[in-house]
Each structure stands twice: as structure tokens, then as C-alpha cells.
Amino acid sequence: MRALPDVVAFACLLGGAALCLTAGLGLLRFPDVLSRMHAGTKPQTLGVLLVMTGAGIRLHGWSATWMLVLVAAFQLLTAPVSAHMVSRVAYGRRHVRRDLLVVDELNSAGPGRTADPGRPGTAR
């Protein structure tokens, strides 16, 4: 009666692989650093978690399961934090297309204002 766990494991592995593929495509296709960081971390993290879940269901033994749990925990801890830090550095070094930002919370000119003197709402 291993048919149901195998089907669930296959579905998790396939879904995780598809999410990791979309993360890779997003890294290639999106125009700026912030959208690439979003595409590189959100679906990729969930994709790795699904792959780890599928592998945990398929593999037998506690040693393999604990190893997969550790990989998933480190993935959850490191990927979003590192993407956040890379995005902050890219914003600080002006590698971000600010015309694509809907809300610019890091702008030092204040809310609703821009630091560019040629645009309306400019800080003086």
C-alpha cells in the first residue's frame, strides 16, 4: 500500500521542481534587482521545501529525514534574509529602477516626496 505516499511524494517533487524553474526564469526575465530578488527567493524557497517534503516522504529512515529537515530550516532562514540584504545594498548603490517602485519607503526625503529635484513633490 505504498501507492498513495508515492503519488503524494511525486506531486511534491514535481511542484517543487516547477517552482524552482519559475524562480530561475524570473531571475533571467525580470528587469531590475528588486524584482529578481523577489523571483529568486519566494518561489525558490517554497520549491525547495516541497522537494524536501517529497524526498522525506519517499526516503525511509530517520537519518535522511533529519538531514532534509535541516536543509529546509537553513533554506527558510538564509534565503529571505540574504535577499533582503542584497536588495538593501542595491537600493543604496542606486542599482534599482525607482520609476518601477510603487512605494519608496527607504526614501530619505520623507513620505510622498522624492529626492529628485526635477520631479513634483520634491524635498527642498
C-alpha atoms as a PDB file:
ATOM      1  CA  MET A   1       0.000   0.000   0.000  1.00  0.00           C
ATOM      2  CA  ARG A   2       2.766   2.454  -0.877  1.00  0.00           C
ATOM      3  CA  ALA A   3       0.841   3.857  -3.823  1.00  0.00           C
ATOM      4  CA  LEU A   4      -0.651   6.885  -2.039  1.00  0.00           C
ATOM      5  CA  PRO A   5       2.611   8.084  -0.409  1.00  0.00           C
ATOM      6  CA  ASP A   6       4.418   7.663  -3.726  1.00  0.00           C
ATOM      7  CA  VAL A   7       1.795   9.772  -5.520  1.00  0.00           C
ATOM      8  CA  VAL A   8       1.995  12.491  -2.851  1.00  0.00           C
ATOM      9  CA  ALA A   9       5.813  12.445  -2.993  1.00  0.00           C
ATOM     10  CA  PHE A  10       5.742  12.682  -6.785  1.00  0.00           C
ATOM     11  CA  ALA A  11       3.319  15.620  -6.648  1.00  0.00           C
ATOM     12  CA  CYS A  12       5.518  17.444  -4.109  1.00  0.00           C
ATOM     13  CA  LEU A  13       8.663  16.808  -6.142  1.00  0.00           C
ATOM     14  CA  LEU A  14       7.014  17.918  -9.374  1.00  0.00           C
ATOM     15  CA  GLY A  15       5.504  21.050  -7.801  1.00  0.00           C
ATOM     16  CA  GLY A  16       8.804  21.950  -6.146  1.00  0.00           C
ATOM     17  CA  ALA A  17      10.721  21.500  -9.381  1.00  0.00           C
ATOM     18  CA  ALA A  18       8.205  23.684 -11.228  1.00  0.00           C
ATOM     19  CA  LEU A  19       8.535  26.446  -8.618  1.00  0.00           C
ATOM     20  CA  CYS A  20      12.336  26.307  -8.763  1.00  0.00           C
ATOM     21  CA  LEU A  21      12.128  26.524 -12.557  1.00  0.00           C
ATOM     22  CA  THR A  22       9.909  29.615 -12.378  1.00  0.00           C
ATOM     23  CA  ALA A  23      12.375  31.189  -9.919  1.00  0.00           C
ATOM     24  CA  GLY A  24      15.192  30.632 -12.395  1.00  0.00           C
ATOM     25  CA  LEU A  25      13.160  32.054 -15.263  1.00  0.00           C
ATOM     26  CA  GLY A  26      12.271  35.082 -13.148  1.00  0.00           C
ATOM     27  CA  LEU A  27      15.959  35.717 -12.498  1.00  0.00           C
ATOM     28  CA  LEU A  28      16.549  35.786 -16.238  1.00  0.00           C
ATOM     29  CA  ARG A  29      13.491  37.758 -17.317  1.00  0.00           C
ATOM     30  CA  PHE A  30      12.803  40.474 -14.714  1.00  0.00           C
ATOM     31  CA  PRO A  31      14.259  43.948 -15.333  1.00  0.00           C
ATOM     32  CA  ASP A  32      15.757  45.103 -12.028  1.00  0.00           C
ATOM     33  CA  VAL A  33      17.390  43.848  -8.858  1.00  0.00           C
ATOM     34  CA  LEU A  34      14.338  44.036  -6.612  1.00  0.00           C
ATOM     35  CA  SER A  35      12.056  42.024  -8.848  1.00  0.00           C
ATOM     36  CA  ARG A  36      14.831  39.496  -9.466  1.00  0.00           C
ATOM     37  CA  MET A  37      15.352  39.105  -5.732  1.00  0.00           C
ATOM     38  CA  HIS A  38      11.612  38.572  -5.285  1.00  0.00           C
ATOM     39  CA  ALA A  39      11.541  35.966  -8.043  1.00  0.00           C
ATOM     40  CA  GLY A  40      14.669  34.300  -6.733  1.00  0.00           C
ATOM     41  CA  THR A  41      13.511  33.812  -3.170  1.00  0.00           C
ATOM     42  CA  LYS A  42       9.736  33.457  -2.948  1.00  0.00           C
ATOM     43  CA  PRO A  43       9.057  30.558  -5.345  1.00  0.00           C
ATOM     44  CA  GLN A  44      12.502  29.055  -4.853  1.00  0.00           C
ATOM     45  CA  THR A  45      12.095  28.754  -1.085  1.00  0.00           C
ATOM     46  CA  LEU A  46       8.687  27.119  -1.388  1.00  0.00           C
ATOM     47  CA  GLY A  47      10.003  24.932  -4.208  1.00  0.00           C
ATOM     48  CA  VAL A  48      12.891  23.648  -2.097  1.00  0.00           C
ATOM     49  CA  LEU A  49      10.523  22.981   0.801  1.00  0.00           C
ATOM     50  CA  LEU A  50       8.251  20.966  -1.486  1.00  0.00           C
ATOM     51  CA  VAL A  51      11.217  18.997  -2.839  1.00  0.00           C
ATOM     52  CA  MET A  52      12.385  18.282   0.712  1.00  0.00           C
ATOM     53  CA  THR A  53       8.868  17.170   1.675  1.00  0.00           C
ATOM     54  CA  GLY A  54       8.611  14.876  -1.324  1.00  0.00           C
ATOM     55  CA  ALA A  55      12.040  13.406  -0.660  1.00  0.00           C
ATOM     56  CA  GLY A  56      11.186  12.928   3.023  1.00  0.00           C
ATOM     57  CA  ILE A  57       8.039  11.019   2.102  1.00  0.00           C
ATOM     58  CA  ARG A  58       9.871   8.874  -0.430  1.00  0.00           C
ATOM     59  CA  LEU A  59      13.023   8.121   1.570  1.00  0.00           C
ATOM     60  CA  HIS A  60      12.927   5.846   4.556  1.00  0.00           C
ATOM     61  CA  GLY A  61      14.866   6.279   7.768  1.00  0.00           C
ATOM     62  CA  TRP A  62      15.288   8.998  10.336  1.00  0.00           C
ATOM     63  CA  SER A  63      18.807   9.983   9.296  1.00  0.00           C
ATOM     64  CA  ALA A  64      17.656  11.084   5.847  1.00  0.00           C
ATOM     65  CA  THR A  65      14.578  12.816   7.262  1.00  0.00           C
ATOM     66  CA  TRP A  66      16.566  14.840   9.803  1.00  0.00           C
ATOM     67  CA  MET A  67      19.032  15.872   7.103  1.00  0.00           C
ATOM     68  CA  LEU A  68      16.154  17.118   4.932  1.00  0.00           C
ATOM     69  CA  VAL A  69      14.634  18.985   7.880  1.00  0.00           C
ATOM     70  CA  LEU A  70      17.964  20.732   8.484  1.00  0.00           C
ATOM     71  CA  VAL A  71      18.269  21.700   4.813  1.00  0.00           C
ATOM     72  CA  ALA A  72      14.722  23.086   4.831  1.00  0.00           C
ATOM     73  CA  ALA A  73      15.327  25.045   8.048  1.00  0.00           C
ATOM     74  CA  PHE A  74      18.534  26.613   6.756  1.00  0.00           C
ATOM     75  CA  GLN A  75      16.810  27.447   3.486  1.00  0.00           C
ATOM     76  CA  LEU A  76      13.995  29.202   5.347  1.00  0.00           C
ATOM     77  CA  LEU A  77      16.480  31.130   7.488  1.00  0.00           C
ATOM     78  CA  THR A  78      19.053  32.192   4.905  1.00  0.00           C
ATOM     79  CA  ALA A  79      17.360  32.824   1.550  1.00  0.00           C
ATOM     80  CA  PRO A  80      14.904  35.597   2.559  1.00  0.00           C
ATOM     81  CA  VAL A  81      17.435  37.338   4.807  1.00  0.00           C
ATOM     82  CA  SER A  82      20.192  37.312   2.199  1.00  0.00           C
ATOM     83  CA  ALA A  83      17.794  38.562  -0.497  1.00  0.00           C
ATOM     84  CA  HIS A  84      16.722  41.385   1.810  1.00  0.00           C
ATOM     85  CA  MET A  85      20.322  42.402   2.442  1.00  0.00           C
ATOM     86  CA  VAL A  86      21.244  42.268  -1.258  1.00  0.00           C
ATOM     87  CA  SER A  87      18.195  44.403  -2.064  1.00  0.00           C
ATOM     88  CA  ARG A  88      19.153  46.995   0.560  1.00  0.00           C
ATOM     89  CA  VAL A  89      22.673  47.237  -0.834  1.00  0.00           C
ATOM     90  CA  ALA A  90      21.356  47.515  -4.404  1.00  0.00           C
ATOM     91  CA  TYR A  91      18.981  50.312  -3.338  1.00  0.00           C
ATOM     92  CA  GLY A  92      21.769  52.154  -1.540  1.00  0.00           C
ATOM     93  CA  ARG A  93      24.056  51.945  -4.568  1.00  0.00           C
ATOM     94  CA  ARG A  94      21.245  53.081  -6.896  1.00  0.00           C
ATOM     95  CA  HIS A  95      21.022  49.855  -8.902  1.00  0.00           C
ATOM     96  CA  VAL A  96      17.226  49.963  -8.560  1.00  0.00           C
ATOM     97  CA  ARG A  97      14.841  51.364 -11.136  1.00  0.00           C
ATOM     98  CA  ARG A  98      12.979  53.792  -8.908  1.00  0.00           C
ATOM     99  CA  ASP A  99      10.372  54.504 -11.575  1.00  0.00           C
ATOM    100  CA  LEU A 100       9.059  50.956 -11.040  1.00  0.00           C
ATOM    101  CA  LEU A 101       8.608  51.405  -7.278  1.00  0.00           C
ATOM    102  CA  VAL A 102       5.020  51.865  -6.150  1.00  0.00           C
ATOM    103  CA  VAL A 103       6.011  52.894  -2.615  1.00  0.00           C
ATOM    104  CA  ASP A 104       9.520  54.039  -1.762  1.00  0.00           C
ATOM    105  CA  GLU A 105       9.810  53.538   1.996  1.00  0.00           C
ATOM    106  CA  LEU A 106      13.581  53.977   2.036  1.00  0.00           C
ATOM    107  CA  ASN A 107      13.487  57.447   0.501  1.00  0.00           C
ATOM    108  CA  SER A 108      15.229  59.896   2.835  1.00  0.00           C
ATOM    109  CA  ALA A 109      13.141  62.852   1.605  1.00  0.00           C
ATOM    110  CA  GLY A 110      10.085  61.704   3.550  1.00  0.00           C
ATOM    111  CA  PRO A 111       6.776  60.055   2.658  1.00  0.00           C
ATOM    112  CA  GLY A 112       5.210  61.172  -0.595  1.00  0.00           C
ATOM    113  CA  ARG A 113       8.308  63.114  -1.652  1.00  0.00           C
ATOM    114  CA  THR A 114      11.205  62.320  -3.913  1.00  0.00           C
ATOM    115  CA  ALA A 115      14.834  63.325  -3.635  1.00  0.00           C
ATOM    116  CA  ASP A 116      14.980  64.155  -7.350  1.00  0.00           C
ATOM    117  CA  PRO A 117      14.785  67.959  -7.797  1.00  0.00           C
ATOM    118  CA  GLY A 118      13.175  67.699 -11.239  1.00  0.00           C
ATOM    119  CA  ARG A 119      10.045  65.859 -10.078  1.00  0.00           C
ATOM    120  CA  PRO A 120       6.909  67.110  -8.339  1.00  0.00           C
ATOM    121  CA  GLY A 121       6.757  66.726  -4.567  1.00  0.00           C
ATOM    122  CA  THR A 122      10.490  67.241  -4.317  1.00  0.00           C
ATOM    123  CA  ALA A 123      12.168  67.844  -0.992  1.00  0.00           C
ATOM    124  CA  ARG A 124      13.985  71.150  -0.835  1.00  0.00           C
END
